Amino acid sequence: MAKSFVIGVWILFAFELYWSVVRGLECGYPGAPSFGRPHPVKESYRPGDAVSFTCAHGHSLQGPLQRVCLFNGTWAGQLPLCGIYFHVNDPLDNDV
């Protein structure tokens, strides 16, 4: 009985240690492209959390749509860009 109790205590200790390490890792602010922002904006991000990005009016998103917080406390992928959106009229579309 005492042996199984000791094993149980060690398993519980190992689990608590593992969980405190995993839980303790968080990703910082994911960054924001110029003329854009991430969603959702939170105080902290845990591994597995994802953020998406939007751009201000007149700008279009170029690059990845989202980033994911990894278990090592870093963000996967690159920060996207918000480029200026130019609408070019197609001369064949003119109904003049």
PDB file of N, CA and C in Angstrom:
ATOM      1  N   MET A   1       0.827  -1.192   0.000  1.00  0.00           N
ATOM      2  CA  MET A   1       0.000   0.000   0.000  1.00  0.00           C
ATOM      3  C   MET A   1       0.867   1.250   0.000  1.00  0.00           C
ATOM      4  N   ALA A   2       1.924   1.263   0.803  1.00  0.00           N
ATOM      5  CA  ALA A   2       2.792   2.436   0.886  1.00  0.00           C
ATOM      6  C   ALA A   2       3.498   2.683  -0.438  1.00  0.00           C
ATOM      7  N   LYS A   3       3.864   1.597  -1.145  1.00  0.00           N
ATOM      8  CA  LYS A   3       4.563   1.745  -2.420  1.00  0.00           C
ATOM      9  C   LYS A   3       3.652   2.403  -3.460  1.00  0.00           C
ATOM     10  N   SER A   4       2.405   1.974  -3.543  1.00  0.00           N
ATOM     11  CA  SER A   4       1.478   2.564  -4.506  1.00  0.00           C
ATOM     12  C   SER A   4       1.183   4.025  -4.151  1.00  0.00           C
ATOM     13  N   PHE A   5       1.174   4.349  -2.865  1.00  0.00           N
ATOM     14  CA  PHE A   5       0.969   5.731  -2.444  1.00  0.00           C
ATOM     15  C   PHE A   5       2.126   6.600  -2.913  1.00  0.00           C
ATOM     16  N   VAL A   6       3.357   6.117  -2.739  1.00  0.00           N
ATOM     17  CA  VAL A   6       4.540   6.866  -3.154  1.00  0.00           C
ATOM     18  C   VAL A   6       4.538   7.063  -4.670  1.00  0.00           C
ATOM     19  N   ILE A   7       4.190   6.012  -5.410  1.00  0.00           N
ATOM     20  CA  ILE A   7       4.115   6.126  -6.873  1.00  0.00           C
ATOM     21  C   ILE A   7       3.052   7.145  -7.262  1.00  0.00           C
ATOM     22  N   GLY A   8       1.913   7.101  -6.595  1.00  0.00           N
ATOM     23  CA  GLY A   8       0.852   8.070  -6.872  1.00  0.00           C
ATOM     24  C   GLY A   8       1.294   9.496  -6.602  1.00  0.00           C
ATOM     25  N   VAL A   9       2.021   9.702  -5.517  1.00  0.00           N
ATOM     26  CA  VAL A   9       2.511  11.038  -5.186  1.00  0.00           C
ATOM     27  C   VAL A   9       3.491  11.512  -6.262  1.00  0.00           C
ATOM     28  N   TRP A  10       4.384  10.630  -6.708  1.00  0.00           N
ATOM     29  CA  TRP A  10       5.352  10.998  -7.745  1.00  0.00           C
ATOM     30  C   TRP A  10       4.652  11.318  -9.065  1.00  0.00           C
ATOM     31  N   ILE A  11       3.639  10.554  -9.407  1.00  0.00           N
ATOM     32  CA  ILE A  11       2.889  10.830 -10.642  1.00  0.00           C
ATOM     33  C   ILE A  11       2.199  12.180 -10.539  1.00  0.00           C
ATOM     34  N   LEU A  12       1.578  12.441  -9.406  1.00  0.00           N
ATOM     35  CA  LEU A  12       0.926  13.728  -9.193  1.00  0.00           C
ATOM     36  C   LEU A  12       1.937  14.867  -9.257  1.00  0.00           C
ATOM     37  N   PHE A  13       3.093  14.680  -8.629  1.00  0.00           N
ATOM     38  CA  PHE A  13       4.145  15.700  -8.655  1.00  0.00           C
ATOM     39  C   PHE A  13       4.617  15.956 -10.085  1.00  0.00           C
ATOM     40  N   ALA A  14       4.845  14.871 -10.833  1.00  0.00           N
ATOM     41  CA  ALA A  14       5.309  15.012 -12.220  1.00  0.00           C
ATOM     42  C   ALA A  14       4.263  15.739 -13.069  1.00  0.00           C
ATOM     43  N   PHE A  15       2.999  15.383 -12.868  1.00  0.00           N
ATOM     44  CA  PHE A  15       1.936  16.036 -13.623  1.00  0.00           C
ATOM     45  C   PHE A  15       1.854  17.521 -13.276  1.00  0.00           C
ATOM     46  N   GLU A  16       1.924  17.847 -12.002  1.00  0.00           N
ATOM     47  CA  GLU A  16       1.874  19.249 -11.571  1.00  0.00           C
ATOM     48  C   GLU A  16       3.056  20.036 -12.130  1.00  0.00           C
ATOM     49  N   LEU A  17       4.228  19.428 -12.132  1.00  0.00           N
ATOM     50  CA  LEU A  17       5.414  20.093 -12.680  1.00  0.00           C
ATOM     51  C   LEU A  17       5.246  20.321 -14.171  1.00  0.00           C
ATOM     52  N   TYR A  18       4.820  19.291 -14.888  1.00  0.00           N
ATOM     53  CA  TYR A  18       4.590  19.413 -16.327  1.00  0.00           C
ATOM     54  C   TYR A  18       3.552  20.498 -16.616  1.00  0.00           C
ATOM     55  N   TRP A  19       2.433  20.454 -15.913  1.00  0.00           N
ATOM     56  CA  TRP A  19       1.359  21.405 -16.165  1.00  0.00           C
ATOM     57  C   TRP A  19       1.780  22.830 -15.835  1.00  0.00           C
ATOM     58  N   SER A  20       2.569  23.038 -14.804  1.00  0.00           N
ATOM     59  CA  SER A  20       3.017  24.387 -14.463  1.00  0.00           C
ATOM     60  C   SER A  20       3.950  24.934 -15.533  1.00  0.00           C
ATOM     61  N   VAL A  21       4.751  24.058 -16.145  1.00  0.00           N
ATOM     62  CA  VAL A  21       5.633  24.508 -17.230  1.00  0.00           C
ATOM     63  C   VAL A  21       4.819  24.845 -18.457  1.00  0.00           C
ATOM     64  N   VAL A  22       3.915  23.951 -18.852  1.00  0.00           N
ATOM     65  CA  VAL A  22       3.098  24.191 -20.040  1.00  0.00           C
ATOM     66  C   VAL A  22       2.207  25.406 -19.837  1.00  0.00           C
ATOM     67  N   ARG A  23       1.585  25.490 -18.689  1.00  0.00           N
ATOM     68  CA  ARG A  23       0.686  26.603 -18.409  1.00  0.00           C
ATOM     69  C   ARG A  23       1.457  27.908 -18.307  1.00  0.00           C
ATOM     70  N   GLY A  24       2.695  27.845 -17.860  1.00  0.00           N
ATOM     71  CA  GLY A  24       3.488  29.052 -17.681  1.00  0.00           C
ATOM     72  C   GLY A  24       3.961  29.667 -18.980  1.00  0.00           C
ATOM     73  N   LEU A  25       4.000  28.881 -20.060  1.00  0.00           N
ATOM     74  CA  LEU A  25       4.429  29.424 -21.340  1.00  0.00           C
ATOM     75  C   LEU A  25       3.266  30.158 -21.994  1.00  0.00           C
ATOM     76  N   GLU A  26       3.499  31.378 -22.326  1.00  0.00           N
ATOM     77  CA  GLU A  26       2.502  32.171 -23.025  1.00  0.00           C
ATOM     78  C   GLU A  26       3.204  32.928 -24.133  1.00  0.00           C
ATOM     79  N   CYS A  27       2.458  33.277 -25.129  1.00  0.00           N
ATOM     80  CA  CYS A  27       2.990  34.105 -26.205  1.00  0.00           C
ATOM     81  C   CYS A  27       2.685  35.556 -25.882  1.00  0.00           C
ATOM     82  N   GLY A  28       3.599  36.411 -26.212  1.00  0.00           N
ATOM     83  CA  GLY A  28       3.370  37.837 -26.041  1.00  0.00           C
ATOM     84  C   GLY A  28       2.436  38.362 -27.124  1.00  0.00           C
ATOM     85  N   TYR A  29       2.398  39.656 -27.240  1.00  0.00           N
ATOM     86  CA  TYR A  29       1.571  40.308 -28.265  1.00  0.00           C
ATOM     87  C   TYR A  29       1.992  39.802 -29.635  1.00  0.00           C
ATOM     88  N   PRO A  30       1.055  39.398 -30.483  1.00  0.00           N
ATOM     89  CA  PRO A  30       1.417  38.800 -31.762  1.00  0.00           C
ATOM     90  C   PRO A  30       1.944  39.801 -32.784  1.00  0.00           C
ATOM     91  N   GLY A  31       1.845  41.061 -32.472  1.00  0.00           N
ATOM     92  CA  GLY A  31       2.256  42.088 -33.418  1.00  0.00           C
ATOM     93  C   GLY A  31       1.079  42.543 -34.259  1.00  0.00           C
ATOM     94  N   ALA A  32       1.247  43.657 -34.900  1.00  0.00           N
ATOM     95  CA  ALA A  32       0.202  44.183 -35.773  1.00  0.00           C
ATOM     96  C   ALA A  32       0.860  44.778 -36.999  1.00  0.00           C
ATOM     97  N   PRO A  33       0.311  44.502 -38.162  1.00  0.00           N
ATOM     98  CA  PRO A  33       0.864  45.132 -39.357  1.00  0.00           C
ATOM     99  C   PRO A  33       0.549  46.623 -39.348  1.00  0.00           C
ATOM    100  N   SER A  34       1.375  47.409 -40.024  1.00  0.00           N
ATOM    101  CA  SER A  34       1.048  48.835 -40.171  1.00  0.00           C
ATOM    102  C   SER A  34      -0.320  48.930 -40.833  1.00  0.00           C
ATOM    103  N   PHE A  35      -1.184  49.754 -40.303  1.00  0.00           N
ATOM    104  CA  PHE A  35      -2.546  49.952 -40.785  1.00  0.00           C
ATOM    105  C   PHE A  35      -3.426  48.720 -40.569  1.00  0.00           C
ATOM    106  N   GLY A  36      -3.098  47.916 -39.541  1.00  0.00           N
ATOM    107  CA  GLY A  36      -3.906  46.740 -39.253  1.00  0.00           C
ATOM    108  C   GLY A  36      -3.863  46.402 -37.780  1.00  0.00           C
ATOM    109  N   ARG A  37      -4.586  45.345 -37.416  1.00  0.00           N
ATOM    110  CA  ARG A  37      -4.597  44.909 -36.021  1.00  0.00           C
ATOM    111  C   ARG A  37      -4.972  43.442 -35.921  1.00  0.00           C
ATOM    112  N   PRO A  38      -4.557  42.796 -34.806  1.00  0.00           N
ATOM    113  CA  PRO A  38      -4.942  41.397 -34.583  1.00  0.00           C
ATOM    114  C   PRO A  38      -6.288  41.315 -33.873  1.00  0.00           C
ATOM    115  N   HIS A  39      -6.947  40.158 -34.023  1.00  0.00           N
ATOM    116  CA  HIS A  39      -8.209  39.874 -33.328  1.00  0.00           C
ATOM    117  C   HIS A  39      -8.143  38.453 -32.792  1.00  0.00           C
ATOM    118  N   PRO A  40      -8.480  38.143 -31.610  1.00  0.00           N
ATOM    119  CA  PRO A  40      -8.815  39.083 -30.542  1.00  0.00           C
ATOM    120  C   PRO A  40      -7.552  39.646 -29.904  1.00  0.00           C
ATOM    121  N   VAL A  41      -7.692  40.817 -29.308  1.00  0.00           N
ATOM    122  CA  VAL A  41      -6.599  41.407 -28.532  1.00  0.00           C
ATOM    123  C   VAL A  41      -6.835  41.001 -27.082  1.00  0.00           C
ATOM    124  N   LYS A  42      -5.847  40.342 -26.483  1.00  0.00           N
ATOM    125  CA  LYS A  42      -5.988  39.846 -25.112  1.00  0.00           C
ATOM    126  C   LYS A  42      -4.757  40.211 -24.298  1.00  0.00           C
ATOM    127  N   GLU A  43      -4.873  40.092 -22.994  1.00  0.00           N
ATOM    128  CA  GLU A  43      -3.733  40.332 -22.095  1.00  0.00           C
ATOM    129  C   GLU A  43      -2.638  39.304 -22.320  1.00  0.00           C
ATOM    130  N   SER A  44      -3.036  38.042 -22.543  1.00  0.00           N
ATOM    131  CA  SER A  44      -2.064  36.984 -22.770  1.00  0.00           C
ATOM    132  C   SER A  44      -2.675  35.939 -23.691  1.00  0.00           C
ATOM    133  N   TYR A  45      -1.800  35.217 -24.360  1.00  0.00           N
ATOM    134  CA  TYR A  45      -2.217  34.168 -25.286  1.00  0.00           C
ATOM    135  C   TYR A  45      -1.568  32.861 -24.856  1.00  0.00           C
ATOM    136  N   ARG A  46      -2.353  31.804 -24.809  1.00  0.00           N
ATOM    137  CA  ARG A  46      -1.855  30.494 -24.408  1.00  0.00           C
ATOM    138  C   ARG A  46      -1.581  29.653 -25.660  1.00  0.00           C
ATOM    139  N   PRO A  47      -0.747  28.637 -25.520  1.00  0.00           N
ATOM    140  CA  PRO A  47      -0.506  27.751 -26.660  1.00  0.00           C
ATOM    141  C   PRO A  47      -1.815  27.234 -27.252  1.00  0.00           C
ATOM    142  N   GLY A  48      -1.913  27.300 -28.560  1.00  0.00           N
ATOM    143  CA  GLY A  48      -3.126  26.886 -29.256  1.00  0.00           C
ATOM    144  C   GLY A  48      -4.032  28.042 -29.619  1.00  0.00           C
ATOM    145  N   ASP A  49      -3.876  29.203 -28.946  1.00  0.00           N
ATOM    146  CA  ASP A  49      -4.679  30.370 -29.289  1.00  0.00           C
ATOM    147  C   ASP A  49      -4.279  30.874 -30.676  1.00  0.00           C
ATOM    148  N   ALA A  50      -5.262  31.301 -31.434  1.00  0.00           N
ATOM    149  CA  ALA A  50      -5.012  31.842 -32.768  1.00  0.00           C
ATOM    150  C   ALA A  50      -5.511  33.278 -32.832  1.00  0.00           C
ATOM    151  N   VAL A  51      -4.815  34.090 -33.613  1.00  0.00           N
ATOM    152  CA  VAL A  51      -5.269  35.449 -33.882  1.00  0.00           C
ATOM    153  C   VAL A  51      -5.386  35.611 -35.392  1.00  0.00           C
ATOM    154  N   SER A  52      -6.350  36.397 -35.803  1.00  0.00           N
ATOM    155  CA  SER A  52      -6.486  36.745 -37.211  1.00  0.00           C
ATOM    156  C   SER A  52      -6.207  38.235 -37.328  1.00  0.00           C
ATOM    157  N   PHE A  53      -6.068  38.708 -38.532  1.00  0.00           N
ATOM    158  CA  PHE A  53      -5.688  40.103 -38.761  1.00  0.00           C
ATOM    159  C   PHE A  53      -6.657  40.769 -39.712  1.00  0.00           C
ATOM    160  N   THR A  54      -6.891  42.049 -39.480  1.00  0.00           N
ATOM    161  CA  THR A  54      -7.682  42.861 -40.390  1.00  0.00           C
ATOM    162  C   THR A  54      -6.907  44.131 -40.680  1.00  0.00           C
ATOM    163  N   CYS A  55      -7.249  44.744 -41.794  1.00  0.00           N
ATOM    164  CA  CYS A  55      -6.578  45.973 -42.213  1.00  0.00           C
ATOM    165  C   CYS A  55      -7.563  47.131 -42.220  1.00  0.00           C
ATOM    166  N   ALA A  56      -7.029  48.311 -42.067  1.00  0.00           N
ATOM    167  CA  ALA A  56      -7.839  49.527 -42.101  1.00  0.00           C
ATOM    168  C   ALA A  56      -8.436  49.715 -43.501  1.00  0.00           C
ATOM    169  N   HIS A  57      -9.486  50.513 -43.572  1.00  0.00           N
ATOM    170  CA  HIS A  57     -10.143  50.818 -44.845  1.00  0.00           C
ATOM    171  C   HIS A  57      -9.105  51.338 -45.838  1.00  0.00           C
ATOM    172  N   GLY A  58      -9.170  50.855 -47.045  1.00  0.00           N
ATOM    173  CA  GLY A  58      -8.235  51.274 -48.079  1.00  0.00           C
ATOM    174  C   GLY A  58      -6.977  50.433 -48.148  1.00  0.00           C
ATOM    175  N   HIS A  59      -6.895  49.437 -47.266  1.00  0.00           N
ATOM    176  CA  HIS A  59      -5.731  48.544 -47.246  1.00  0.00           C
ATOM    177  C   HIS A  59      -6.203  47.098 -47.365  1.00  0.00           C
ATOM    178  N   SER A  60      -5.365  46.253 -47.948  1.00  0.00           N
ATOM    179  CA  SER A  60      -5.721  44.843 -48.076  1.00  0.00           C
ATOM    180  C   SER A  60      -4.641  43.982 -47.440  1.00  0.00           C
ATOM    181  N   LEU A  61      -5.085  42.877 -46.847  1.00  0.00           N
ATOM    182  CA  LEU A  61      -4.183  41.968 -46.157  1.00  0.00           C
ATOM    183  C   LEU A  61      -3.360  41.182 -47.162  1.00  0.00           C
ATOM    184  N   GLN A  62      -2.059  41.160 -46.920  1.00  0.00           N
ATOM    185  CA  GLN A  62      -1.137  40.408 -47.771  1.00  0.00           C
ATOM    186  C   GLN A  62      -0.315  39.512 -46.867  1.00  0.00           C
ATOM    187  N   GLY A  63      -0.454  38.216 -47.054  1.00  0.00           N
ATOM    188  CA  GLY A  63       0.259  37.270 -46.207  1.00  0.00           C
ATOM    189  C   GLY A  63      -0.714  36.376 -45.474  1.00  0.00           C
ATOM    190  N   PRO A  64      -0.232  35.736 -44.390  1.00  0.00           N
ATOM    191  CA  PRO A  64      -1.085  34.787 -43.677  1.00  0.00           C
ATOM    192  C   PRO A  64      -2.276  35.469 -43.007  1.00  0.00           C
ATOM    193  N   LEU A  65      -3.404  34.767 -42.980  1.00  0.00           N
ATOM    194  CA  LEU A  65      -4.619  35.305 -42.357  1.00  0.00           C
ATOM    195  C   LEU A  65      -4.577  35.218 -40.844  1.00  0.00           C
ATOM    196  N   GLN A  66      -3.799  34.259 -40.316  1.00  0.00           N
ATOM    197  CA  GLN A  66      -3.743  34.103 -38.862  1.00  0.00           C
ATOM    198  C   GLN A  66      -2.392  33.569 -38.425  1.00  0.00           C
ATOM    199  N   ARG A  67      -2.143  33.701 -37.113  1.00  0.00           N
ATOM    200  CA  ARG A  67      -0.965  33.139 -36.465  1.00  0.00           C
ATOM    201  C   ARG A  67      -1.443  32.366 -35.244  1.00  0.00           C
ATOM    202  N   VAL A  68      -0.684  31.337 -34.854  1.00  0.00           N
ATOM    203  CA  VAL A  68      -1.054  30.486 -33.724  1.00  0.00           C
ATOM    204  C   VAL A  68       0.068  30.524 -32.692  1.00  0.00           C
ATOM    205  N   CYS A  69      -0.321  30.643 -31.417  1.00  0.00           N
ATOM    206  CA  CYS A  69       0.637  30.604 -30.313  1.00  0.00           C
ATOM    207  C   CYS A  69       1.114  29.169 -30.142  1.00  0.00           C
ATOM    208  N   LEU A  70       2.438  28.970 -30.182  1.00  0.00           N
ATOM    209  CA  LEU A  70       3.021  27.642 -30.070  1.00  0.00           C
ATOM    210  C   LEU A  70       3.359  27.305 -28.619  1.00  0.00           C
ATOM    211  N   PHE A  71       3.598  26.031 -28.354  1.00  0.00           N
ATOM    212  CA  PHE A  71       3.886  25.573 -26.995  1.00  0.00           C
ATOM    213  C   PHE A  71       5.225  26.080 -26.468  1.00  0.00           C
ATOM    214  N   ASN A  72       6.099  26.577 -27.350  1.00  0.00           N
ATOM    215  CA  ASN A  72       7.382  27.115 -26.876  1.00  0.00           C
ATOM    216  C   ASN A  72       7.306  28.611 -26.590  1.00  0.00           C
ATOM    217  N   GLY A  73       6.106  29.185 -26.677  1.00  0.00           N
ATOM    218  CA  GLY A  73       5.927  30.599 -26.351  1.00  0.00           C
ATOM    219  C   GLY A  73       6.193  31.552 -27.500  1.00  0.00           C
ATOM    220  N   THR A  74       6.278  31.044 -28.721  1.00  0.00           N
ATOM    221  CA  THR A  74       6.482  31.894 -29.897  1.00  0.00           C
ATOM    222  C   THR A  74       5.266  31.792 -30.803  1.00  0.00           C
ATOM    223  N   TRP A  75       5.200  32.694 -31.764  1.00  0.00           N
ATOM    224  CA  TRP A  75       4.107  32.705 -32.725  1.00  0.00           C
ATOM    225  C   TRP A  75       4.531  32.003 -34.002  1.00  0.00           C
ATOM    226  N   ALA A  76       3.658  31.159 -34.529  1.00  0.00           N
ATOM    227  CA  ALA A  76       3.911  30.494 -35.807  1.00  0.00           C
ATOM    228  C   ALA A  76       3.665  31.485 -36.934  1.00  0.00           C
ATOM    229  N   GLY A  77       4.430  31.341 -37.987  1.00  0.00           N
ATOM    230  CA  GLY A  77       4.205  32.148 -39.181  1.00  0.00           C
ATOM    231  C   GLY A  77       4.768  33.550 -39.077  1.00  0.00           C
ATOM    232  N   GLN A  78       4.591  34.259 -40.149  1.00  0.00           N
ATOM    233  CA  GLN A  78       5.068  35.630 -40.261  1.00  0.00           C
ATOM    234  C   GLN A  78       3.910  36.609 -40.075  1.00  0.00           C
ATOM    235  N   LEU A  79       4.245  37.805 -39.670  1.00  0.00           N
ATOM    236  CA  LEU A  79       3.253  38.872 -39.550  1.00  0.00           C
ATOM    237  C   LEU A  79       2.857  39.317 -40.959  1.00  0.00           C
ATOM    238  N   PRO A  80       1.557  39.393 -41.239  1.00  0.00           N
ATOM    239  CA  PRO A  80       1.139  39.840 -42.571  1.00  0.00           C
ATOM    240  C   PRO A  80       1.353  41.342 -42.746  1.00  0.00           C
ATOM    241  N   LEU A  81       1.136  41.804 -43.936  1.00  0.00           N
ATOM    242  CA  LEU A  81       1.229  43.229 -44.260  1.00  0.00           C
ATOM    243  C   LEU A  81      -0.145  43.739 -44.659  1.00  0.00           C
ATOM    244  N   CYS A  82      -0.354  45.032 -44.470  1.00  0.00           N
ATOM    245  CA  CYS A  82      -1.565  45.684 -44.962  1.00  0.00           C
ATOM    246  C   CYS A  82      -1.126  46.666 -46.039  1.00  0.00           C
ATOM    247  N   GLY A  83      -1.278  46.250 -47.288  1.00  0.00           N
ATOM    248  CA  GLY A  83      -0.874  47.103 -48.405  1.00  0.00           C
ATOM    249  C   GLY A  83      -2.009  48.011 -48.827  1.00  0.00           C
ATOM    250  N   ILE A  84      -1.653  49.108 -49.465  1.00  0.00           N
ATOM    251  CA  ILE A  84      -2.666  50.040 -49.967  1.00  0.00           C
ATOM    252  C   ILE A  84      -3.409  49.372 -51.108  1.00  0.00           C
ATOM    253  N   TYR A  85      -4.721  49.451 -51.047  1.00  0.00           N
ATOM    254  CA  TYR A  85      -5.567  48.831 -52.056  1.00  0.00           C
ATOM    255  C   TYR A  85      -5.792  49.819 -53.178  1.00  0.00           C
ATOM    256  N   PHE A  86      -5.380  49.441 -54.369  1.00  0.00           N
ATOM    257  CA  PHE A  86      -5.615  50.264 -55.554  1.00  0.00           C
ATOM    258  C   PHE A  86      -6.640  49.573 -56.422  1.00  0.00           C
ATOM    259  N   HIS A  87      -7.672  50.302 -56.792  1.00  0.00           N
ATOM    260  CA  HIS A  87      -8.662  49.764 -57.719  1.00  0.00           C
ATOM    261  C   HIS A  87      -8.358  50.355 -59.089  1.00  0.00           C
ATOM    262  N   VAL A  88      -8.042  49.483 -60.006  1.00  0.00           N
ATOM    263  CA  VAL A  88      -7.732  49.929 -61.365  1.00  0.00           C
ATOM    264  C   VAL A  88      -8.909  49.586 -62.255  1.00  0.00           C
ATOM    265  N   ASN A  89      -9.411  50.592 -62.951  1.00  0.00           N
ATOM    266  CA  ASN A  89     -10.516  50.352 -63.862  1.00  0.00           C
ATOM    267  C   ASN A  89     -10.018  49.604 -65.098  1.00  0.00           C
ATOM    268  N   ASP A  90     -10.712  48.567 -65.449  1.00  0.00           N
ATOM    269  CA  ASP A  90     -10.389  47.806 -66.653  1.00  0.00           C
ATOM    270  C   ASP A  90     -11.011  48.521 -67.836  1.00  0.00           C
ATOM    271  N   PRO A  91     -10.217  48.911 -68.831  1.00  0.00           N
ATOM    272  CA  PRO A  91     -10.795  49.646 -69.964  1.00  0.00           C
ATOM    273  C   PRO A  91     -11.856  48.849 -70.693  1.00  0.00           C
ATOM    274  N   LEU A  92     -11.831  47.530 -70.598  1.00  0.00           N
ATOM    275  CA  LEU A  92     -12.855  46.730 -71.278  1.00  0.00           C
ATOM    276  C   LEU A  92     -14.161  46.724 -70.513  1.00  0.00           C
ATOM    277  N   ASP A  93     -14.139  47.181 -69.251  1.00  0.00           N
ATOM    278  CA  ASP A  93     -15.368  47.229 -68.438  1.00  0.00           C
ATOM    279  C   ASP A  93     -16.156  48.526 -68.652  1.00  0.00           C
ATOM    280  N   ASN A  94     -15.595  49.502 -69.346  1.00  0.00           N
ATOM    281  CA  ASN A  94     -16.287  50.787 -69.523  1.00  0.00           C
ATOM    282  C   ASN A  94     -17.509  50.598 -70.412  1.00  0.00           C
ATOM    283  N   ASP A  95     -18.608  51.079 -69.948  1.00  0.00           N
ATOM    284  CA  ASP A  95     -19.859  51.019 -70.722  1.00  0.00           C
ATOM    285  C   ASP A  95     -20.134  52.345 -71.406  1.00  0.00           C
ATOM    286  N   VAL A  96     -19.085  53.054 -71.785  1.00  0.00           N
ATOM    287  CA  VAL A  96     -19.260  54.386 -72.380  1.00  0.00           C
ATOM    288  C   VAL A  96     -19.474  54.277 -73.853  1.00  0.00           C
TER     289      VAL A  96
END
